[in-house]
Amino acid sequence: MLRFLFRAFFKPSYRPRAKPHKKPVRETLAYKAGRSIAASSAQPKTPQSSAPKRVDAFDATTSHSVTLPRVLEGRAYVTDGDTITIQKTQVRLYGIDAPELHHPYGKKAKWAMVHLCKGHRIRAEITDEDEYGRTVAKCFLPDGRDLSEELVKQGLAIDWPKFSGGKYSNLEVAGIRKKLWLADARQKGRIHVLEKFDARKNGESKEK
C-alpha cells in the first residue's frame, strides 16, 4: 500500500521531445536548385575604364562618307580644340581647323572647347570615316548649338572650306587667319611652314 501511494505522489511526468520540423524533400531540393540557378545567372561585374585611348589623327586621304546615319551621344573628353572623344570614339569636329596644342593659341582653343562641353551630353552625327575607323562628325550641344560654329565665332578656329564647303567662313572674326597662321598654312598645303615651326620649337626645348 505504501509503495502504491509513493508511486502515485512521486511519479515523474515526462513530456515527449518535440521533433524538429523538416521541410519535405521535394521542397528542399527545389529551393537548392533555385539558389544554384540564381547564382549561375549572376555575372560578375568587371570594372570598365572611362579613360579614352589615344588615337592617331584622322586620315582624310582614306576617308569616305558614312551612308547609314551613325550618332554618338554622351559626355565628351576634349583632346584639343577640334578633337573630342565620346563613348571611347575619337571624333574630329566637322568643317573647322583649330591650332594644335603646341601651336600658338592651341591650349586656349582646347580650354574653350572644355568650357563648351563641360556638364553636357554632346551629340555627334558622324559624316566621314577613314580606313582605320576614325571619324569626323557634326557635334551639337543639348540646346542645338554647333560646336564647330561656336569655336569659330570665338576666334579660336577657322573654317576649312575643303571639307565644310565654306559653311563657317562668314563666322570667322576679322584677322583670324593671321592670328592662326599655322592652321591657315596647313590648309594651303604649306607644310614646310609647319615643319619649320616644329623644328624651331624642338630646338628651343632642347636648349632648356
N, C-alpha and C. Protein backbone atom coordinates (compact mmCIF):
# COMPACT_ATOMS: atom_id res chain seq x y z
N MET A 1 0.85 -1.22 0.00
CA MET A 1 0.00 0.00 0.00
C MET A 1 0.87 1.24 0.00
N LEU A 2 1.88 1.26 0.88
CA LEU A 2 2.78 2.42 0.93
C LEU A 2 3.51 2.58 -0.38
N ARG A 3 3.89 1.44 -0.98
CA ARG A 3 4.60 1.51 -2.26
C ARG A 3 3.70 2.11 -3.33
N PHE A 4 2.43 1.80 -3.32
CA PHE A 4 1.48 2.32 -4.30
C PHE A 4 1.31 3.83 -4.15
N LEU A 5 1.15 4.27 -2.84
CA LEU A 5 0.99 5.71 -2.59
C LEU A 5 2.25 6.48 -2.99
N PHE A 6 3.41 5.90 -2.72
CA PHE A 6 4.68 6.56 -3.07
C PHE A 6 4.78 6.78 -4.57
N ARG A 7 4.39 5.74 -5.34
CA ARG A 7 4.41 5.86 -6.80
C ARG A 7 3.41 6.89 -7.30
N ALA A 8 2.24 6.99 -6.64
CA ALA A 8 1.19 7.91 -7.08
C ALA A 8 1.61 9.35 -6.90
N PHE A 9 2.27 9.64 -5.76
CA PHE A 9 2.65 11.04 -5.49
C PHE A 9 3.93 11.46 -6.18
N PHE A 10 4.87 10.58 -6.35
CA PHE A 10 6.20 10.95 -6.87
C PHE A 10 6.45 10.42 -8.28
N LYS A 11 5.42 10.09 -9.04
CA LYS A 11 5.59 9.62 -10.44
C LYS A 11 6.06 10.76 -11.32
N PRO A 12 7.21 10.63 -11.93
CA PRO A 12 7.72 11.72 -12.80
C PRO A 12 6.86 11.89 -14.04
N SER A 13 6.69 13.15 -14.41
CA SER A 13 5.87 13.44 -15.61
C SER A 13 6.81 13.72 -16.77
N TYR A 14 6.82 12.86 -17.74
CA TYR A 14 7.69 13.01 -18.92
C TYR A 14 6.89 13.60 -20.08
N ARG A 15 7.55 14.58 -20.77
CA ARG A 15 6.94 15.13 -22.00
C ARG A 15 7.73 14.67 -23.20
N PRO A 16 7.07 14.22 -24.18
CA PRO A 16 7.81 13.77 -25.38
C PRO A 16 8.51 14.95 -26.04
N ARG A 17 9.76 14.72 -26.46
CA ARG A 17 10.50 15.78 -27.13
C ARG A 17 9.89 16.12 -28.49
N ALA A 18 9.85 17.45 -28.70
CA ALA A 18 9.27 17.89 -29.99
C ALA A 18 10.25 17.58 -31.12
N LYS A 19 9.75 16.90 -32.12
CA LYS A 19 10.58 16.55 -33.26
C LYS A 19 10.85 17.80 -34.11
N PRO A 20 12.08 17.97 -34.54
CA PRO A 20 12.38 19.17 -35.38
C PRO A 20 11.60 19.13 -36.67
N HIS A 21 11.15 20.36 -37.06
CA HIS A 21 10.35 20.47 -38.28
C HIS A 21 11.23 20.28 -39.50
N LYS A 22 10.88 19.39 -40.34
CA LYS A 22 11.64 19.15 -41.56
C LYS A 22 10.80 19.49 -42.78
N LYS A 23 11.47 20.21 -43.71
CA LYS A 23 10.79 20.52 -44.97
C LYS A 23 10.69 19.26 -45.80
N PRO A 24 9.66 19.14 -46.56
CA PRO A 24 9.58 17.99 -47.47
C PRO A 24 10.80 17.95 -48.37
N VAL A 25 11.20 16.78 -48.73
CA VAL A 25 12.40 16.61 -49.55
C VAL A 25 12.29 17.36 -50.85
N ARG A 26 11.14 17.32 -51.49
CA ARG A 26 10.94 18.00 -52.78
C ARG A 26 11.12 19.50 -52.63
N GLU A 27 10.57 20.05 -51.54
CA GLU A 27 10.67 21.50 -51.32
C GLU A 27 12.12 21.91 -51.12
N THR A 28 12.86 21.11 -50.36
CA THR A 28 14.27 21.41 -50.10
C THR A 28 15.09 21.37 -51.38
N LEU A 29 14.88 20.36 -52.20
CA LEU A 29 15.61 20.24 -53.46
C LEU A 29 15.28 21.39 -54.39
N ALA A 30 14.01 21.78 -54.43
CA ALA A 30 13.60 22.87 -55.30
C ALA A 30 14.26 24.17 -54.87
N TYR A 31 14.36 24.41 -53.59
CA TYR A 31 15.00 25.63 -53.07
C TYR A 31 16.47 25.67 -53.45
N LYS A 32 17.18 24.54 -53.28
CA LYS A 32 18.59 24.49 -53.63
C LYS A 32 18.80 24.68 -55.12
N ALA A 33 17.92 24.11 -55.89
CA ALA A 33 18.04 24.27 -57.35
C ALA A 33 17.86 25.72 -57.73
N GLY A 34 16.89 26.38 -57.09
CA GLY A 34 16.66 27.80 -57.36
C GLY A 34 17.85 28.64 -57.01
N ARG A 35 18.51 28.34 -55.89
CA ARG A 35 19.70 29.07 -55.46
C ARG A 35 20.82 28.92 -56.47
N SER A 36 21.02 27.69 -56.96
CA SER A 36 22.12 27.46 -57.90
C SER A 36 21.87 28.14 -59.22
N ILE A 37 20.61 28.18 -59.67
CA ILE A 37 20.28 28.86 -60.92
C ILE A 37 20.51 30.34 -60.80
N ALA A 38 20.05 30.91 -59.65
CA ALA A 38 20.22 32.34 -59.45
C ALA A 38 21.69 32.71 -59.38
N ALA A 39 22.48 31.87 -58.72
CA ALA A 39 23.91 32.17 -58.58
C ALA A 39 24.62 32.10 -59.91
N SER A 40 24.26 31.12 -60.74
CA SER A 40 24.94 30.98 -62.02
C SER A 40 24.57 32.06 -63.00
N SER A 41 23.34 32.60 -62.87
CA SER A 41 22.90 33.64 -63.81
C SER A 41 23.48 34.99 -63.49
N ALA A 42 23.97 35.18 -62.25
CA ALA A 42 24.53 36.48 -61.87
C ALA A 42 25.96 36.57 -62.38
N GLN A 43 26.21 37.41 -63.37
CA GLN A 43 27.53 37.56 -63.95
C GLN A 43 28.34 38.55 -63.13
N PRO A 44 29.60 38.24 -62.85
CA PRO A 44 30.43 39.19 -62.11
C PRO A 44 30.68 40.43 -62.92
N LYS A 45 30.59 41.57 -62.26
CA LYS A 45 30.80 42.84 -62.95
C LYS A 45 32.28 43.15 -63.03
N THR A 46 32.71 43.51 -64.21
CA THR A 46 34.11 43.88 -64.39
C THR A 46 34.21 45.36 -64.55
N PRO A 47 35.05 46.02 -63.78
CA PRO A 47 35.17 47.49 -63.89
C PRO A 47 35.66 47.91 -65.25
N GLN A 48 35.03 48.94 -65.82
CA GLN A 48 35.42 49.45 -67.12
C GLN A 48 36.09 50.80 -66.96
N SER A 49 37.19 50.96 -67.63
CA SER A 49 37.92 52.22 -67.55
C SER A 49 37.24 53.27 -68.42
N SER A 50 37.03 54.47 -67.88
CA SER A 50 36.40 55.55 -68.63
C SER A 50 37.41 56.40 -69.38
N ALA A 51 38.69 56.14 -69.13
CA ALA A 51 39.71 56.95 -69.79
C ALA A 51 39.82 56.55 -71.25
N PRO A 52 39.63 57.49 -72.19
CA PRO A 52 39.69 57.17 -73.61
C PRO A 52 41.10 56.84 -74.06
N LYS A 53 41.21 55.97 -75.06
CA LYS A 53 42.51 55.61 -75.60
C LYS A 53 42.97 56.66 -76.59
N ARG A 54 44.27 56.86 -76.62
CA ARG A 54 44.86 57.81 -77.54
C ARG A 54 44.80 57.24 -78.95
N VAL A 55 44.33 58.01 -79.91
CA VAL A 55 44.19 57.57 -81.29
C VAL A 55 44.89 58.56 -82.19
N ASP A 56 45.46 58.06 -83.28
CA ASP A 56 46.15 58.93 -84.22
C ASP A 56 45.16 59.86 -84.92
N ALA A 57 45.70 60.87 -85.62
CA ALA A 57 44.86 61.86 -86.29
C ALA A 57 44.06 61.24 -87.42
N PHE A 58 42.93 61.87 -87.72
CA PHE A 58 42.06 61.41 -88.80
C PHE A 58 42.79 61.51 -90.13
N ASP A 59 42.71 60.46 -90.94
CA ASP A 59 43.39 60.41 -92.23
C ASP A 59 42.40 60.75 -93.34
N ALA A 60 42.43 62.00 -93.79
CA ALA A 60 41.47 62.47 -94.80
C ALA A 60 41.67 61.79 -96.14
N THR A 61 42.88 61.32 -96.43
CA THR A 61 43.16 60.71 -97.74
C THR A 61 42.45 59.38 -97.92
N THR A 62 42.12 58.70 -96.84
CA THR A 62 41.43 57.41 -96.95
C THR A 62 39.98 57.48 -96.45
N SER A 63 39.48 58.70 -96.25
CA SER A 63 38.14 58.83 -95.68
C SER A 63 37.06 58.57 -96.72
N HIS A 64 35.89 58.21 -96.24
CA HIS A 64 34.72 58.01 -97.09
C HIS A 64 33.49 58.43 -96.30
N SER A 65 32.48 58.86 -97.02
CA SER A 65 31.25 59.31 -96.37
C SER A 65 30.52 58.14 -95.73
N VAL A 66 29.86 58.41 -94.62
CA VAL A 66 29.08 57.38 -93.94
C VAL A 66 27.67 57.41 -94.49
N THR A 67 27.26 56.31 -95.11
CA THR A 67 25.94 56.28 -95.75
C THR A 67 24.82 56.11 -94.73
N LEU A 68 25.01 55.17 -93.80
CA LEU A 68 23.99 54.97 -92.77
C LEU A 68 24.20 55.97 -91.64
N PRO A 69 23.14 56.57 -91.13
CA PRO A 69 23.30 57.55 -90.05
C PRO A 69 23.84 56.90 -88.79
N ARG A 70 24.92 57.46 -88.27
CA ARG A 70 25.51 56.97 -87.02
C ARG A 70 25.61 58.14 -86.06
N VAL A 71 25.12 57.94 -84.88
CA VAL A 71 25.09 59.01 -83.89
C VAL A 71 25.70 58.50 -82.58
N LEU A 72 26.60 59.29 -82.03
CA LEU A 72 27.15 59.03 -80.70
C LEU A 72 26.63 60.12 -79.77
N GLU A 73 26.34 59.75 -78.56
CA GLU A 73 25.85 60.74 -77.61
C GLU A 73 26.40 60.44 -76.22
N GLY A 74 26.91 61.46 -75.56
CA GLY A 74 27.44 61.27 -74.22
C GLY A 74 28.36 62.41 -73.83
N ARG A 75 29.00 62.25 -72.70
CA ARG A 75 29.95 63.26 -72.23
C ARG A 75 31.20 63.21 -73.10
N ALA A 76 31.81 64.38 -73.28
CA ALA A 76 32.95 64.48 -74.18
C ALA A 76 34.24 64.72 -73.41
N TYR A 77 35.28 63.99 -73.80
CA TYR A 77 36.62 64.21 -73.30
C TYR A 77 37.35 65.02 -74.38
N VAL A 78 37.88 66.17 -74.04
CA VAL A 78 38.47 67.08 -75.02
C VAL A 78 39.96 66.80 -75.16
N THR A 79 40.39 66.53 -76.40
CA THR A 79 41.81 66.31 -76.69
C THR A 79 42.47 67.63 -77.07
N ASP A 80 41.84 68.35 -78.00
CA ASP A 80 42.31 69.70 -78.37
C ASP A 80 41.11 70.48 -78.90
N GLY A 81 41.39 71.61 -79.54
CA GLY A 81 40.30 72.50 -79.95
C GLY A 81 39.29 71.90 -80.91
N ASP A 82 39.73 70.95 -81.74
CA ASP A 82 38.79 70.38 -82.71
C ASP A 82 38.71 68.86 -82.63
N THR A 83 39.10 68.28 -81.50
CA THR A 83 39.04 66.82 -81.34
C THR A 83 38.51 66.47 -79.96
N ILE A 84 37.46 65.64 -79.94
CA ILE A 84 36.88 65.18 -78.68
C ILE A 84 36.68 63.66 -78.75
N THR A 85 36.44 63.07 -77.61
CA THR A 85 36.17 61.63 -77.55
C THR A 85 34.84 61.40 -76.87
N ILE A 86 33.96 60.63 -77.53
CA ILE A 86 32.65 60.28 -76.98
C ILE A 86 32.51 58.76 -77.06
N GLN A 87 32.14 58.14 -75.94
CA GLN A 87 31.98 56.69 -75.88
C GLN A 87 33.21 55.98 -76.45
N LYS A 88 34.39 56.44 -76.04
CA LYS A 88 35.68 55.85 -76.44
C LYS A 88 35.95 55.94 -77.94
N THR A 89 35.22 56.81 -78.64
CA THR A 89 35.47 57.03 -80.06
C THR A 89 35.99 58.44 -80.25
N GLN A 90 37.17 58.56 -80.86
CA GLN A 90 37.74 59.88 -81.09
C GLN A 90 37.07 60.52 -82.31
N VAL A 91 36.64 61.74 -82.14
CA VAL A 91 35.87 62.43 -83.16
C VAL A 91 36.53 63.76 -83.52
N ARG A 92 36.74 63.98 -84.81
CA ARG A 92 37.25 65.26 -85.31
C ARG A 92 36.05 66.12 -85.66
N LEU A 93 36.01 67.36 -85.16
CA LEU A 93 34.88 68.25 -85.44
C LEU A 93 34.82 68.60 -86.93
N TYR A 94 33.63 68.56 -87.44
CA TYR A 94 33.39 68.78 -88.87
C TYR A 94 33.70 70.21 -89.29
N GLY A 95 34.41 70.35 -90.42
CA GLY A 95 34.50 71.61 -91.15
C GLY A 95 35.37 72.71 -90.61
N ILE A 96 36.13 72.48 -89.53
CA ILE A 96 36.95 73.56 -88.98
C ILE A 96 38.38 73.08 -88.73
N ASP A 97 39.26 74.02 -88.48
CA ASP A 97 40.64 73.71 -88.14
C ASP A 97 41.05 74.59 -86.97
N ALA A 98 41.37 73.96 -85.86
CA ALA A 98 41.84 74.67 -84.67
C ALA A 98 43.34 74.41 -84.52
N PRO A 99 44.06 75.30 -83.85
CA PRO A 99 45.51 75.10 -83.69
C PRO A 99 45.83 73.87 -82.85
N GLU A 100 46.98 73.24 -83.18
CA GLU A 100 47.47 72.12 -82.37
C GLU A 100 47.85 72.64 -80.98
N LEU A 101 47.94 71.73 -80.02
CA LEU A 101 48.23 72.14 -78.65
C LEU A 101 49.53 72.90 -78.51
N HIS A 102 50.55 72.53 -79.30
CA HIS A 102 51.84 73.19 -79.18
C HIS A 102 51.97 74.41 -80.10
N HIS A 103 50.89 74.72 -80.83
CA HIS A 103 50.88 75.91 -81.68
C HIS A 103 50.34 77.10 -80.88
N PRO A 104 50.59 78.31 -81.35
CA PRO A 104 50.02 79.48 -80.67
C PRO A 104 48.50 79.36 -80.57
N TYR A 105 47.95 79.65 -79.42
CA TYR A 105 46.52 79.60 -79.10
C TYR A 105 45.96 78.18 -79.05
N GLY A 106 46.83 77.18 -79.12
CA GLY A 106 46.36 75.79 -79.08
C GLY A 106 45.72 75.42 -77.76
N LYS A 107 46.37 75.76 -76.66
CA LYS A 107 45.82 75.45 -75.34
C LYS A 107 44.56 76.26 -75.05
N LYS A 108 44.55 77.49 -75.53
CA LYS A 108 43.37 78.33 -75.33
C LYS A 108 42.16 77.76 -76.07
N ALA A 109 42.40 77.23 -77.28
CA ALA A 109 41.31 76.60 -78.05
C ALA A 109 40.80 75.36 -77.32
N LYS A 110 41.73 74.58 -76.76
CA LYS A 110 41.31 73.37 -76.03
C LYS A 110 40.43 73.73 -74.84
N TRP A 111 40.84 74.73 -74.03
CA TRP A 111 40.07 75.06 -72.85
C TRP A 111 38.74 75.74 -73.18
N ALA A 112 38.69 76.38 -74.34
CA ALA A 112 37.40 76.92 -74.79
C ALA A 112 36.44 75.78 -75.10
N MET A 113 36.96 74.71 -75.71
CA MET A 113 36.13 73.54 -76.00
C MET A 113 35.72 72.82 -74.72
N VAL A 114 36.65 72.74 -73.76
CA VAL A 114 36.32 72.14 -72.46
C VAL A 114 35.17 72.90 -71.81
N HIS A 115 35.24 74.22 -71.84
CA HIS A 115 34.19 75.06 -71.24
C HIS A 115 32.85 74.84 -71.94
N LEU A 116 32.86 74.69 -73.27
CA LEU A 116 31.62 74.46 -74.01
C LEU A 116 30.99 73.11 -73.67
N CYS A 117 31.83 72.08 -73.53
CA CYS A 117 31.32 70.72 -73.35
C CYS A 117 31.02 70.36 -71.89
N LYS A 118 31.61 71.09 -70.96
CA LYS A 118 31.53 70.71 -69.55
C LYS A 118 30.08 70.60 -69.05
N GLY A 119 29.78 69.45 -68.47
CA GLY A 119 28.46 69.22 -67.88
C GLY A 119 27.36 68.91 -68.87
N HIS A 120 27.72 68.71 -70.15
CA HIS A 120 26.72 68.46 -71.19
C HIS A 120 26.92 67.11 -71.85
N ARG A 121 25.83 66.59 -72.38
CA ARG A 121 25.89 65.41 -73.26
C ARG A 121 25.97 65.93 -74.69
N ILE A 122 27.01 65.54 -75.38
CA ILE A 122 27.24 66.01 -76.73
C ILE A 122 26.70 64.99 -77.73
N ARG A 123 26.05 65.51 -78.77
CA ARG A 123 25.52 64.65 -79.84
C ARG A 123 26.43 64.78 -81.05
N ALA A 124 27.00 63.66 -81.48
CA ALA A 124 27.91 63.65 -82.62
C ALA A 124 27.28 62.87 -83.77
N GLU A 125 27.02 63.58 -84.87
CA GLU A 125 26.45 62.94 -86.07
C GLU A 125 27.60 62.69 -87.05
N ILE A 126 28.02 61.45 -87.16
CA ILE A 126 29.20 61.10 -87.94
C ILE A 126 28.94 61.27 -89.44
N THR A 127 29.84 61.99 -90.10
CA THR A 127 29.71 62.24 -91.53
C THR A 127 30.73 61.47 -92.36
N ASP A 128 31.94 61.28 -91.81
CA ASP A 128 33.01 60.61 -92.55
C ASP A 128 33.79 59.68 -91.63
N GLU A 129 34.41 58.69 -92.28
CA GLU A 129 35.20 57.72 -91.53
C GLU A 129 36.37 57.30 -92.40
N ASP A 130 37.58 57.20 -91.79
CA ASP A 130 38.72 56.76 -92.59
C ASP A 130 38.88 55.24 -92.48
N GLU A 131 39.90 54.70 -93.14
CA GLU A 131 40.04 53.24 -93.21
C GLU A 131 40.39 52.62 -91.86
N TYR A 132 40.77 53.45 -90.89
CA TYR A 132 41.10 52.94 -89.56
C TYR A 132 39.92 53.09 -88.59
N GLY A 133 38.78 53.55 -89.08
CA GLY A 133 37.61 53.70 -88.23
C GLY A 133 37.53 55.01 -87.49
N ARG A 134 38.49 55.93 -87.74
CA ARG A 134 38.45 57.25 -87.10
C ARG A 134 37.40 58.09 -87.81
N THR A 135 36.83 59.04 -87.08
CA THR A 135 35.63 59.69 -87.57
C THR A 135 35.69 61.21 -87.57
N VAL A 136 34.85 61.79 -88.45
CA VAL A 136 34.54 63.22 -88.46
C VAL A 136 33.05 63.34 -88.19
N ALA A 137 32.67 64.29 -87.37
CA ALA A 137 31.25 64.39 -87.02
C ALA A 137 30.83 65.84 -86.78
N LYS A 138 29.57 66.10 -87.05
CA LYS A 138 28.95 67.37 -86.67
C LYS A 138 28.51 67.21 -85.22
N CYS A 139 29.02 68.05 -84.36
CA CYS A 139 28.79 67.89 -82.92
C CYS A 139 27.93 69.03 -82.37
N PHE A 140 26.96 68.66 -81.55
CA PHE A 140 25.98 69.63 -81.07
C PHE A 140 25.81 69.57 -79.56
N LEU A 141 25.58 70.74 -78.97
CA LEU A 141 25.22 70.84 -77.56
C LEU A 141 23.74 70.50 -77.40
N PRO A 142 23.28 70.23 -76.17
CA PRO A 142 21.87 69.89 -75.97
C PRO A 142 20.90 70.96 -76.47
N ASP A 143 21.33 72.24 -76.48
CA ASP A 143 20.43 73.30 -76.95
C ASP A 143 20.50 73.50 -78.47
N GLY A 144 21.24 72.62 -79.16
CA GLY A 144 21.29 72.66 -80.62
C GLY A 144 22.45 73.44 -81.21
N ARG A 145 23.26 74.09 -80.38
CA ARG A 145 24.39 74.84 -80.90
C ARG A 145 25.45 73.91 -81.48
N ASP A 146 26.02 74.34 -82.61
CA ASP A 146 27.05 73.59 -83.31
C ASP A 146 28.41 73.93 -82.68
N LEU A 147 29.13 72.92 -82.19
CA LEU A 147 30.42 73.17 -81.55
C LEU A 147 31.43 73.80 -82.50
N SER A 148 31.42 73.37 -83.75
CA SER A 148 32.34 73.95 -84.74
C SER A 148 32.05 75.44 -84.91
N GLU A 149 30.79 75.76 -85.02
CA GLU A 149 30.38 77.16 -85.19
C GLU A 149 30.78 78.01 -83.99
N GLU A 150 30.59 77.46 -82.78
CA GLU A 150 30.89 78.21 -81.57
C GLU A 150 32.38 78.53 -81.47
N LEU A 151 33.25 77.58 -81.84
CA LEU A 151 34.69 77.82 -81.73
C LEU A 151 35.17 78.82 -82.78
N VAL A 152 34.58 78.79 -83.96
CA VAL A 152 34.93 79.77 -85.00
C VAL A 152 34.51 81.17 -84.55
N LYS A 153 33.33 81.29 -83.98
CA LYS A 153 32.84 82.60 -83.52
C LYS A 153 33.69 83.17 -82.40
N GLN A 154 34.32 82.28 -81.61
CA GLN A 154 35.19 82.74 -80.53
C GLN A 154 36.58 83.13 -81.02
N GLY A 155 36.84 82.94 -82.30
CA GLY A 155 38.15 83.30 -82.85
C GLY A 155 39.24 82.32 -82.49
N LEU A 156 38.87 81.05 -82.28
CA LEU A 156 39.86 80.04 -81.91
C LEU A 156 39.90 78.89 -82.90
N ALA A 157 39.27 79.06 -84.02
CA ALA A 157 39.32 78.08 -85.11
C ALA A 157 38.93 78.81 -86.40
N ILE A 158 39.32 78.22 -87.52
CA ILE A 158 38.95 78.79 -88.82
C ILE A 158 38.19 77.76 -89.64
N ASP A 159 37.42 78.25 -90.56
CA ASP A 159 36.67 77.39 -91.46
C ASP A 159 37.65 76.62 -92.35
N TRP A 160 37.30 75.39 -92.70
CA TRP A 160 38.11 74.60 -93.64
C TRP A 160 37.23 74.31 -94.85
N PRO A 161 37.28 75.20 -95.84
CA PRO A 161 36.36 75.11 -96.98
C PRO A 161 36.41 73.78 -97.72
N LYS A 162 37.58 73.15 -97.75
CA LYS A 162 37.73 71.86 -98.46
C LYS A 162 36.75 70.82 -97.93
N PHE A 163 36.46 70.89 -96.63
CA PHE A 163 35.59 69.90 -96.01
C PHE A 163 34.21 70.44 -95.65
N SER A 164 34.12 71.75 -95.40
CA SER A 164 32.84 72.32 -94.98
C SER A 164 32.05 72.94 -96.11
N GLY A 165 32.74 73.19 -97.26
CA GLY A 165 32.07 73.91 -98.35
C GLY A 165 31.89 75.38 -98.03
N GLY A 166 32.67 75.88 -97.08
CA GLY A 166 32.59 77.29 -96.70
C GLY A 166 31.47 77.61 -95.72
N LYS A 167 30.97 76.59 -95.05
CA LYS A 167 29.82 76.75 -94.14
C LYS A 167 30.09 77.75 -93.02
N TYR A 168 31.33 77.80 -92.51
CA TYR A 168 31.64 78.65 -91.36
C TYR A 168 32.47 79.88 -91.72
N SER A 169 32.74 80.08 -93.00
CA SER A 169 33.64 81.17 -93.40
C SER A 169 33.10 82.55 -93.02
N ASN A 170 31.78 82.73 -93.09
CA ASN A 170 31.20 84.03 -92.76
C ASN A 170 31.19 84.31 -91.25
N LEU A 171 31.56 83.29 -90.44
CA LEU A 171 31.59 83.46 -88.98
C LEU A 171 32.99 83.78 -88.47
N GLU A 172 33.99 83.72 -89.34
CA GLU A 172 35.35 83.99 -88.92
C GLU A 172 35.51 85.45 -88.49
N VAL A 173 36.20 85.65 -87.38
CA VAL A 173 36.44 87.02 -86.89
C VAL A 173 37.52 87.68 -87.74
N ALA A 174 37.52 88.99 -87.75
CA ALA A 174 38.47 89.75 -88.59
C ALA A 174 39.91 89.45 -88.18
N GLY A 175 40.75 89.21 -89.18
CA GLY A 175 42.18 88.98 -88.95
C GLY A 175 42.52 87.63 -88.36
N ILE A 176 41.56 86.70 -88.32
CA ILE A 176 41.78 85.42 -87.67
C ILE A 176 42.82 84.56 -88.38
N ARG A 177 42.93 84.69 -89.70
CA ARG A 177 43.87 83.84 -90.43
C ARG A 177 45.32 84.27 -90.22
N LYS A 178 45.52 85.53 -89.85
CA LYS A 178 46.87 85.97 -89.48
C LYS A 178 47.19 85.50 -88.05
N LYS A 179 46.16 85.50 -87.21
CA LYS A 179 46.33 85.06 -85.83
C LYS A 179 46.63 83.55 -85.78
N LEU A 180 45.87 82.76 -86.54
CA LEU A 180 46.06 81.30 -86.59
C LEU A 180 46.79 80.95 -87.89
N TRP A 181 47.96 81.55 -88.10
CA TRP A 181 48.68 81.44 -89.36
C TRP A 181 49.17 80.03 -89.66
N LEU A 182 49.42 79.21 -88.63
CA LEU A 182 49.85 77.84 -88.87
C LEU A 182 48.70 76.98 -89.41
N ALA A 183 47.51 77.18 -88.88
CA ALA A 183 46.34 76.46 -89.39
C ALA A 183 46.04 76.89 -90.83
N ASP A 184 46.19 78.18 -91.10
CA ASP A 184 45.97 78.69 -92.46
C ASP A 184 47.00 78.09 -93.42
N ALA A 185 48.26 78.01 -92.98
CA ALA A 185 49.32 77.42 -93.82
C ALA A 185 49.03 75.95 -94.11
N ARG A 186 48.52 75.23 -93.11
CA ARG A 186 48.19 73.81 -93.30
C ARG A 186 47.11 73.65 -94.36
N GLN A 187 46.10 74.49 -94.31
CA GLN A 187 45.02 74.41 -95.29
C GLN A 187 45.51 74.69 -96.71
N LYS A 188 46.50 75.56 -96.81
CA LYS A 188 47.02 75.92 -98.14
C LYS A 188 48.13 74.99 -98.61
N GLY A 189 48.40 73.95 -97.84
CA GLY A 189 49.39 72.96 -98.25
C GLY A 189 50.83 73.39 -98.03
N ARG A 190 51.03 74.43 -97.25
CA ARG A 190 52.39 74.92 -96.99
C ARG A 190 52.97 74.18 -95.77
N ILE A 191 53.20 72.92 -95.96
CA ILE A 191 53.64 72.06 -94.88
C ILE A 191 55.02 72.46 -94.36
N HIS A 192 55.85 73.02 -95.25
CA HIS A 192 57.19 73.42 -94.82
C HIS A 192 57.15 74.48 -93.72
N VAL A 193 56.08 75.30 -93.72
CA VAL A 193 55.93 76.32 -92.67
C VAL A 193 55.73 75.65 -91.31
N LEU A 194 54.91 74.61 -91.27
CA LEU A 194 54.67 73.88 -90.02
C LEU A 194 55.93 73.14 -89.58
N GLU A 195 56.63 72.53 -90.54
CA GLU A 195 57.85 71.80 -90.21
C GLU A 195 58.92 72.74 -89.65
N LYS A 196 59.03 73.94 -90.23
CA LYS A 196 60.00 74.92 -89.76
C LYS A 196 59.66 75.36 -88.33
N PHE A 197 58.37 75.57 -88.07
CA PHE A 197 57.94 75.97 -86.73
C PHE A 197 58.25 74.86 -85.73
N ASP A 198 57.94 73.61 -86.08
CA ASP A 198 58.17 72.49 -85.18
C ASP A 198 59.67 72.31 -84.90
N ALA A 199 60.50 72.49 -85.94
CA ALA A 199 61.95 72.35 -85.76
C ALA A 199 62.48 73.41 -84.80
N ARG A 200 62.00 74.65 -84.96
CA ARG A 200 62.42 75.72 -84.07
C ARG A 200 61.95 75.46 -82.65
N LYS A 201 60.73 74.97 -82.52
CA LYS A 201 60.17 74.68 -81.21
C LYS A 201 60.97 73.57 -80.51
N ASN A 202 61.33 72.55 -81.27
CA ASN A 202 62.10 71.44 -80.70
C ASN A 202 63.49 71.91 -80.29
N GLY A 203 64.08 72.81 -81.11
CA GLY A 203 65.40 73.34 -80.78
C GLY A 203 65.38 74.14 -79.49
N GLU A 204 64.32 74.91 -79.30
CA GLU A 204 64.18 75.72 -78.09
C GLU A 204 64.01 74.85 -76.85
N SER A 205 63.25 73.75 -76.99
CA SER A 205 63.02 72.87 -75.85
C SER A 205 64.30 72.13 -75.46
N LYS A 206 65.17 71.81 -76.45
CA LYS A 206 66.43 71.13 -76.15
C LYS A 206 67.39 72.04 -75.42
N GLU A 207 67.36 73.32 -75.80
CA GLU A 207 68.24 74.29 -75.15
C GLU A 207 67.89 74.47 -73.69
N LYS A 208 66.59 74.35 -73.37
CA LYS A 208 66.14 74.47 -71.99
C LYS A 208 66.54 73.26 -71.16
